[in-house]
PDB file of N, CA and C in Angstrom:
ATOM      1  N   MET A   1      10.888  -2.415 -14.642  1.00  0.00           N
ATOM      2  CA  MET A   1       9.561  -2.392 -13.818  1.00  0.00           C
ATOM      3  C   MET A   1       9.360  -3.919 -13.678  1.00  0.00           C
ATOM      4  N   LYS A   2       9.346  -4.436 -12.495  1.00  0.00           N
ATOM      5  CA  LYS A   2       8.955  -5.839 -12.151  1.00  0.00           C
ATOM      6  C   LYS A   2       7.475  -5.887 -12.064  1.00  0.00           C
ATOM      7  N   ILE A   3       7.149  -7.091 -11.936  1.00  0.00           N
ATOM      8  CA  ILE A   3       5.587  -7.565 -11.843  1.00  0.00           C
ATOM      9  C   ILE A   3       5.023  -7.015 -10.540  1.00  0.00           C
ATOM     10  N   GLN A   4       5.815  -6.852  -9.456  1.00  0.00           N
ATOM     11  CA  GLN A   4       5.088  -6.301  -8.075  1.00  0.00           C
ATOM     12  C   GLN A   4       4.702  -4.829  -8.381  1.00  0.00           C
ATOM     13  N   ASP A   5       5.565  -4.138  -9.207  1.00  0.00           N
ATOM     14  CA  ASP A   5       5.330  -2.919  -9.334  1.00  0.00           C
ATOM     15  C   ASP A   5       4.041  -2.689 -10.176  1.00  0.00           C
ATOM     16  N   ILE A   6       4.007  -3.396 -11.237  1.00  0.00           N
ATOM     17  CA  ILE A   6       2.597  -3.363 -12.012  1.00  0.00           C
ATOM     18  C   ILE A   6       1.593  -3.681 -11.247  1.00  0.00           C
ATOM     19  N   ILE A   7       1.572  -4.663 -10.441  1.00  0.00           N
ATOM     20  CA  ILE A   7       0.349  -5.217  -9.698  1.00  0.00           C
ATOM     21  C   ILE A   7       0.112  -3.809  -8.759  1.00  0.00           C
ATOM     22  N   PHE A   8       1.171  -3.407  -7.961  1.00  0.00           N
ATOM     23  CA  PHE A   8       0.990  -2.173  -7.043  1.00  0.00           C
ATOM     24  C   PHE A   8       0.304  -1.071  -7.859  1.00  0.00           C
ATOM     25  N   ILE A   9       0.523  -0.741  -9.067  1.00  0.00           N
ATOM     26  CA  ILE A   9      -0.039   0.451  -9.662  1.00  0.00           C
ATOM     27  C   ILE A   9      -1.329   0.238 -10.181  1.00  0.00           C
ATOM     28  N   LEU A  10      -1.684  -1.014 -10.560  1.00  0.00           N
ATOM     29  CA  LEU A  10      -3.107  -1.314 -10.457  1.00  0.00           C
ATOM     30  C   LEU A  10      -3.982  -1.060  -9.490  1.00  0.00           C
ATOM     31  N   ILE A  11      -3.449  -1.942  -8.447  1.00  0.00           N
ATOM     32  CA  ILE A  11      -4.317  -1.701  -7.203  1.00  0.00           C
ATOM     33  C   ILE A  11      -4.224  -0.239  -6.638  1.00  0.00           C
ATOM     34  N   PHE A  12      -3.219   0.470  -6.719  1.00  0.00           N
ATOM     35  CA  PHE A  12      -3.221   1.961  -6.413  1.00  0.00           C
ATOM     36  C   PHE A  12      -4.205   2.585  -7.169  1.00  0.00           C
ATOM     37  N   ALA A  13      -4.281   2.256  -8.359  1.00  0.00           N
ATOM     38  CA  ALA A  13      -5.404   3.194  -9.434  1.00  0.00           C
ATOM     39  C   ALA A  13      -6.723   2.775  -8.862  1.00  0.00           C
ATOM     40  N   PHE A  14      -6.906   1.502  -8.650  1.00  0.00           N
ATOM     41  CA  PHE A  14      -8.207   1.029  -8.189  1.00  0.00           C
ATOM     42  C   PHE A  14      -8.608   1.777  -6.760  1.00  0.00           C
ATOM     43  N   LEU A  15      -7.826   1.756  -5.739  1.00  0.00           N
ATOM     44  CA  LEU A  15      -7.956   2.263  -4.620  1.00  0.00           C
ATOM     45  C   LEU A  15      -8.126   3.997  -4.600  1.00  0.00           C
ATOM     46  N   LEU A  16      -7.463   4.460  -5.534  1.00  0.00           N
ATOM     47  CA  LEU A  16      -7.638   6.111  -5.786  1.00  0.00           C
ATOM     48  C   LEU A  16      -9.105   6.192  -6.303  1.00  0.00           C
ATOM     49  N   TYR A  17      -9.420   5.331  -7.324  1.00  0.00           N
ATOM     50  CA  TYR A  17     -10.841   5.456  -7.822  1.00  0.00           C
ATOM     51  C   TYR A  17     -12.001   5.305  -6.831  1.00  0.00           C
ATOM     52  N   LYS A  18     -11.631   4.349  -5.949  1.00  0.00           N
ATOM     53  CA  LYS A  18     -12.790   4.234  -4.731  1.00  0.00           C
ATOM     54  C   LYS A  18     -12.874   5.141  -3.884  1.00  0.00           C
ATOM     55  N   ARG A  19     -11.457   5.783  -3.287  1.00  0.00           N
ATOM     56  CA  ARG A  19     -11.053   6.897  -2.451  1.00  0.00           C
ATOM     57  C   ARG A  19     -11.756   6.335  -1.070  1.00  0.00           C
ATOM     58  N   LYS A  20     -11.535   5.071  -0.763  1.00  0.00           N
ATOM     59  CA  LYS A  20     -11.953   4.704   0.645  1.00  0.00           C
ATOM     60  C   LYS A  20     -10.634   4.478   1.666  1.00  0.00           C
ATOM     61  N   PRO A  21     -10.639   5.313   2.625  1.00  0.00           N
ATOM     62  CA  PRO A  21      -9.066   5.374   3.274  1.00  0.00           C
ATOM     63  C   PRO A  21      -9.076   3.902   3.989  1.00  0.00           C
ATOM     64  N   GLU A  22     -10.246   3.348   4.283  1.00  0.00           N
ATOM     65  CA  GLU A  22     -10.144   2.063   5.168  1.00  0.00           C
ATOM     66  C   GLU A  22      -9.266   1.077   4.131  1.00  0.00           C
ATOM     67  N   TRP A  23      -9.660   1.185   2.947  1.00  0.00           N
ATOM     68  CA  TRP A  23      -9.242   0.051   2.083  1.00  0.00           C
ATOM     69  C   TRP A  23      -7.620   0.328   1.827  1.00  0.00           C
ATOM     70  N   PHE A  24      -7.304   1.439   1.959  1.00  0.00           N
ATOM     71  CA  PHE A  24      -5.869   1.792   1.683  1.00  0.00           C
ATOM     72  C   PHE A  24      -5.233   1.317   3.005  1.00  0.00           C
ATOM     73  N   VAL A  25      -5.891   1.405   4.134  1.00  0.00           N
ATOM     74  CA  VAL A  25      -5.155   0.913   5.429  1.00  0.00           C
ATOM     75  C   VAL A  25      -4.869  -0.610   5.155  1.00  0.00           C
ATOM     76  N   LEU A  26      -6.063  -1.217   4.852  1.00  0.00           N
ATOM     77  CA  LEU A  26      -6.060  -2.757   4.802  1.00  0.00           C
ATOM     78  C   LEU A  26      -5.154  -3.129   3.751  1.00  0.00           C
ATOM     79  N   ALA A  27      -5.033  -2.473   2.696  1.00  0.00           N
ATOM     80  CA  ALA A  27      -3.898  -2.829   1.649  1.00  0.00           C
ATOM     81  C   ALA A  27      -2.574  -2.550   2.234  1.00  0.00           C
ATOM     82  N   GLY A  28      -2.247  -1.480   2.936  1.00  0.00           N
ATOM     83  CA  GLY A  28      -0.922  -1.373   3.608  1.00  0.00           C
ATOM     84  C   GLY A  28      -0.487  -2.409   4.579  1.00  0.00           C
ATOM     85  N   ILE A  29      -1.715  -2.801   5.269  1.00  0.00           N
ATOM     86  CA  ILE A  29      -1.320  -3.893   6.251  1.00  0.00           C
ATOM     87  C   ILE A  29      -0.941  -5.131   5.697  1.00  0.00           C
ATOM     88  N   ILE A  30      -1.759  -5.552   4.546  1.00  0.00           N
ATOM     89  CA  ILE A  30      -1.447  -6.589   3.830  1.00  0.00           C
ATOM     90  C   ILE A  30      -0.214  -6.623   3.183  1.00  0.00           C
ATOM     91  N   SER A  31       0.321  -5.507   2.820  1.00  0.00           N
ATOM     92  CA  SER A  31       1.674  -5.296   1.907  1.00  0.00           C
ATOM     93  C   SER A  31       2.772  -5.519   3.090  1.00  0.00           C
ATOM     94  N   PHE A  32       2.600  -4.992   4.375  1.00  0.00           N
ATOM     95  CA  PHE A  32       3.484  -5.397   5.432  1.00  0.00           C
ATOM     96  C   PHE A  32       3.728  -6.920   5.771  1.00  0.00           C
ATOM     97  N   ALA A  33       2.259  -7.359   5.698  1.00  0.00           N
ATOM     98  CA  ALA A  33       2.258  -8.761   6.080  1.00  0.00           C
ATOM     99  C   ALA A  33       2.943  -9.655   4.723  1.00  0.00           C
ATOM    100  N   GLY A  34       2.913  -9.198   3.894  1.00  0.00           N
ATOM    101  CA  GLY A  34       3.345 -10.103   2.553  1.00  0.00           C
ATOM    102  C   GLY A  34       4.898  -9.891   2.422  1.00  0.00           C
ATOM    103  N   ALA A  35       5.394  -8.900   3.094  1.00  0.00           N
ATOM    104  CA  ALA A  35       6.893  -8.861   3.236  1.00  0.00           C
ATOM    105  C   ALA A  35       7.509  -9.618   4.035  1.00  0.00           C
ATOM    106  N   ILE A  36       6.897 -10.008   5.124  1.00  0.00           N
ATOM    107  CA  ILE A  36       7.624 -10.718   6.186  1.00  0.00           C
ATOM    108  C   ILE A  36       8.155 -12.033   5.598  1.00  0.00           C
ATOM    109  N   PRO A  37       7.373 -12.846   4.878  1.00  0.00           N
ATOM    110  CA  PRO A  37       7.923 -14.175   4.342  1.00  0.00           C
ATOM    111  C   PRO A  37       9.296 -14.053   3.334  1.00  0.00           C
ATOM    112  N   PHE A  38       9.050 -12.804   2.497  1.00  0.00           N
ATOM    113  CA  PHE A  38      10.192 -12.451   1.780  1.00  0.00           C
ATOM    114  C   PHE A  38      11.588 -12.197   2.570  1.00  0.00           C
ATOM    115  N   TYR A  39      11.416 -11.431   3.543  1.00  0.00           N
ATOM    116  CA  TYR A  39      12.471 -11.147   4.600  1.00  0.00           C
ATOM    117  C   TYR A  39      13.091 -12.577   5.136  1.00  0.00           C
ATOM    118  N   SER A  40      12.358 -13.612   5.421  1.00  0.00           N
ATOM    119  CA  SER A  40      12.542 -14.734   5.841  1.00  0.00           C
ATOM    120  C   SER A  40      13.339 -15.627   4.976  1.00  0.00           C
ATOM    121  N   LEU A  41      13.017 -15.412   3.664  1.00  0.00           N
ATOM    122  CA  LEU A  41      13.659 -16.001   2.545  1.00  0.00           C
ATOM    123  C   LEU A  41      14.804 -15.335   2.068  1.00  0.00           C
ATOM    124  N   TRP A  42      15.182 -14.207   2.597  1.00  0.00           N
ATOM    125  CA  TRP A  42      16.207 -13.435   2.202  1.00  0.00           C
ATOM    126  C   TRP A  42      16.023 -12.758   0.721  1.00  0.00           C
ATOM    127  N   VAL A  43      14.797 -12.657   0.346  1.00  0.00           N
ATOM    128  CA  VAL A  43      14.541 -11.996  -0.770  1.00  0.00           C
ATOM    129  C   VAL A  43      14.415 -10.424  -0.615  1.00  0.00           C
ATOM    130  N   PHE A  44      15.431  -9.529  -0.266  1.00  0.00           N
ATOM    131  CA  PHE A  44      15.226  -8.255   0.267  1.00  0.00           C
ATOM    132  C   PHE A  44      14.747  -7.347  -0.750  1.00  0.00           C
ATOM    133  N   PHE A  45      14.919  -7.460  -2.257  1.00  0.00           N
ATOM    134  CA  PHE A  45      14.445  -6.467  -2.856  1.00  0.00           C
ATOM    135  C   PHE A  45      12.917  -6.366  -2.784  1.00  0.00           C
ATOM    136  N   THR A  46      12.160  -7.502  -3.036  1.00  0.00           N
ATOM    137  CA  THR A  46      10.777  -7.758  -3.180  1.00  0.00           C
ATOM    138  C   THR A  46      10.269  -7.187  -1.772  1.00  0.00           C
ATOM    139  N   ALA A  47      10.798  -7.686  -0.636  1.00  0.00           N
ATOM    140  CA  ALA A  47      10.386  -7.339   0.820  1.00  0.00           C
ATOM    141  C   ALA A  47      10.479  -5.817   0.913  1.00  0.00           C
ATOM    142  N   GLN A  48      11.631  -5.154   0.704  1.00  0.00           N
ATOM    143  CA  GLN A  48      11.762  -3.779   0.652  1.00  0.00           C
ATOM    144  C   GLN A  48      10.641  -2.882  -0.079  1.00  0.00           C
ATOM    145  N   ARG A  49      10.528  -3.404  -1.407  1.00  0.00           N
ATOM    146  CA  ARG A  49       9.367  -2.922  -2.173  1.00  0.00           C
ATOM    147  C   ARG A  49       8.125  -2.919  -1.556  1.00  0.00           C
ATOM    148  N   LEU A  50       7.882  -4.128  -0.988  1.00  0.00           N
ATOM    149  CA  LEU A  50       6.396  -4.409  -0.319  1.00  0.00           C
ATOM    150  C   LEU A  50       6.266  -3.351   0.845  1.00  0.00           C
ATOM    151  N   VAL A  51       7.345  -3.262   1.624  1.00  0.00           N
ATOM    152  CA  VAL A  51       7.348  -2.101   2.737  1.00  0.00           C
ATOM    153  C   VAL A  51       7.272  -0.769   2.290  1.00  0.00           C
ATOM    154  N   GLU A  52       7.890  -0.597   1.332  1.00  0.00           N
ATOM    155  CA  GLU A  52       7.580   1.038   0.724  1.00  0.00           C
ATOM    156  C   GLU A  52       6.095   1.196   0.194  1.00  0.00           C
ATOM    157  N   PHE A  53       5.707   0.131  -0.478  1.00  0.00           N
ATOM    158  CA  PHE A  53       4.225   0.324  -1.031  1.00  0.00           C
ATOM    159  C   PHE A  53       3.388   0.459   0.114  1.00  0.00           C
ATOM    160  N   GLY A  54       3.682  -0.385   1.345  1.00  0.00           N
ATOM    161  CA  GLY A  54       2.640  -0.345   2.422  1.00  0.00           C
ATOM    162  C   GLY A  54       2.750   1.022   3.092  1.00  0.00           C
ATOM    163  N   PHE A  55       4.018   1.598   3.035  1.00  0.00           N
ATOM    164  CA  PHE A  55       4.233   2.899   3.644  1.00  0.00           C
ATOM    165  C   PHE A  55       3.420   3.970   2.805  1.00  0.00           C
ATOM    166  N   LEU A  56       3.574   3.980   1.495  1.00  0.00           N
ATOM    167  CA  LEU A  56       2.829   4.720   0.457  1.00  0.00           C
ATOM    168  C   LEU A  56       1.377   4.754   0.769  1.00  0.00           C
ATOM    169  N   LEU A  57       0.798   3.456   0.861  1.00  0.00           N
ATOM    170  CA  LEU A  57      -0.623   3.284   1.100  1.00  0.00           C
ATOM    171  C   LEU A  57      -0.962   3.773   2.393  1.00  0.00           C
ATOM    172  N   LEU A  58      -0.282   3.825   3.548  1.00  0.00           N
ATOM    173  CA  LEU A  58      -0.789   4.305   4.507  1.00  0.00           C
ATOM    174  C   LEU A  58      -0.821   6.010   4.607  1.00  0.00           C
ATOM    175  N   VAL A  59       0.194   6.454   4.173  1.00  0.00           N
ATOM    176  CA  VAL A  59       0.347   7.804   3.983  1.00  0.00           C
ATOM    177  C   VAL A  59      -0.835   8.289   3.187  1.00  0.00           C
ATOM    178  N   VAL A  60      -1.153   7.818   2.012  1.00  0.00           N
ATOM    179  CA  VAL A  60      -2.316   8.318   1.290  1.00  0.00           C
ATOM    180  C   VAL A  60      -3.536   7.862   2.136  1.00  0.00           C
ATOM    181  N   ALA A  61      -3.810   6.973   2.833  1.00  0.00           N
ATOM    182  CA  ALA A  61      -4.960   6.822   3.889  1.00  0.00           C
ATOM    183  C   ALA A  61      -4.828   7.933   4.751  1.00  0.00           C
ATOM    184  N   VAL A  62      -4.001   8.254   5.258  1.00  0.00           N
ATOM    185  CA  VAL A  62      -3.944   9.337   6.346  1.00  0.00           C
ATOM    186  C   VAL A  62      -4.292  10.694   5.784  1.00  0.00           C
ATOM    187  N   LEU A  63      -3.887  11.094   4.421  1.00  0.00           N
ATOM    188  CA  LEU A  63      -4.304  12.122   3.786  1.00  0.00           C
ATOM    189  C   LEU A  63      -5.740  12.109   3.372  1.00  0.00           C
ATOM    190  N   LEU A  64      -6.118  11.040   3.093  1.00  0.00           N
ATOM    191  CA  LEU A  64      -7.627  10.877   2.705  1.00  0.00           C
ATOM    192  C   LEU A  64      -8.419  11.178   3.976  1.00  0.00           C
ATOM    193  N   PHE A  65      -8.079  10.433   5.179  1.00  0.00           N
ATOM    194  CA  PHE A  65      -8.814  10.825   6.262  1.00  0.00           C
ATOM    195  C   PHE A  65      -8.731  12.033   6.607  1.00  0.00           C
ATOM    196  N   ALA A  66      -7.590  12.857   6.641  1.00  0.00           N
ATOM    197  CA  ALA A  66      -7.547  14.121   6.940  1.00  0.00           C
ATOM    198  C   ALA A  66      -8.469  15.150   5.921  1.00  0.00           C
ATOM    199  N   PHE A  67      -8.438  14.912   4.818  1.00  0.00           N
ATOM    200  CA  PHE A  67      -9.323  15.684   3.867  1.00  0.00           C
ATOM    201  C   PHE A  67     -10.630  15.560   4.001  1.00  0.00           C
ATOM    202  N   LYS A  68     -10.944  14.175   4.347  1.00  0.00           N
ATOM    203  CA  LYS A  68     -12.557  13.822   4.366  1.00  0.00           C
ATOM    204  C   LYS A  68     -12.842  14.312   5.604  1.00  0.00           C
ATOM    205  N   LYS A  69     -12.053  14.454   6.686  1.00  0.00           N
ATOM    206  CA  LYS A  69     -12.802  15.100   8.110  1.00  0.00           C
ATOM    207  C   LYS A  69     -12.762  16.559   7.825  1.00  0.00           C
ATOM    208  N   GLN A  70     -11.840  17.151   7.085  1.00  0.00           N
ATOM    209  CA  GLN A  70     -11.892  18.606   6.875  1.00  0.00           C
ATOM    210  C   GLN A  70     -12.970  19.080   6.081  1.00  0.00           C
ATOM    211  N   TYR A  71     -13.415  18.433   5.059  1.00  0.00           N
ATOM    212  CA  TYR A  71     -14.283  19.051   4.341  1.00  0.00           C
ATOM    213  C   TYR A  71     -15.795  18.408   4.419  1.00  0.00           C
ATOM    214  N   HIS A  72     -15.949  17.739   5.693  1.00  0.00           N
ATOM    215  CA  HIS A  72     -17.400  17.119   5.856  1.00  0.00           C
ATOM    216  C   HIS A  72     -17.702  17.704   7.296  1.00  0.00           C
TER     217      HIS A  72
END
């Protein structure tokens, strides 16, 4: 487990605690934006992980939006 994985788990746990879908979307976009410099530097493993993290964050945001709208 690398440092970016540990940081992601901590951020993900904090975001799950807050349960604000907007924050998940923002974190996902920041993750995608952070992957761009790594791709340009040919650091593919870290860039790929950041894209995967961004995708997971956006999926959770969509699920939170759906459940929030369904039960309110």
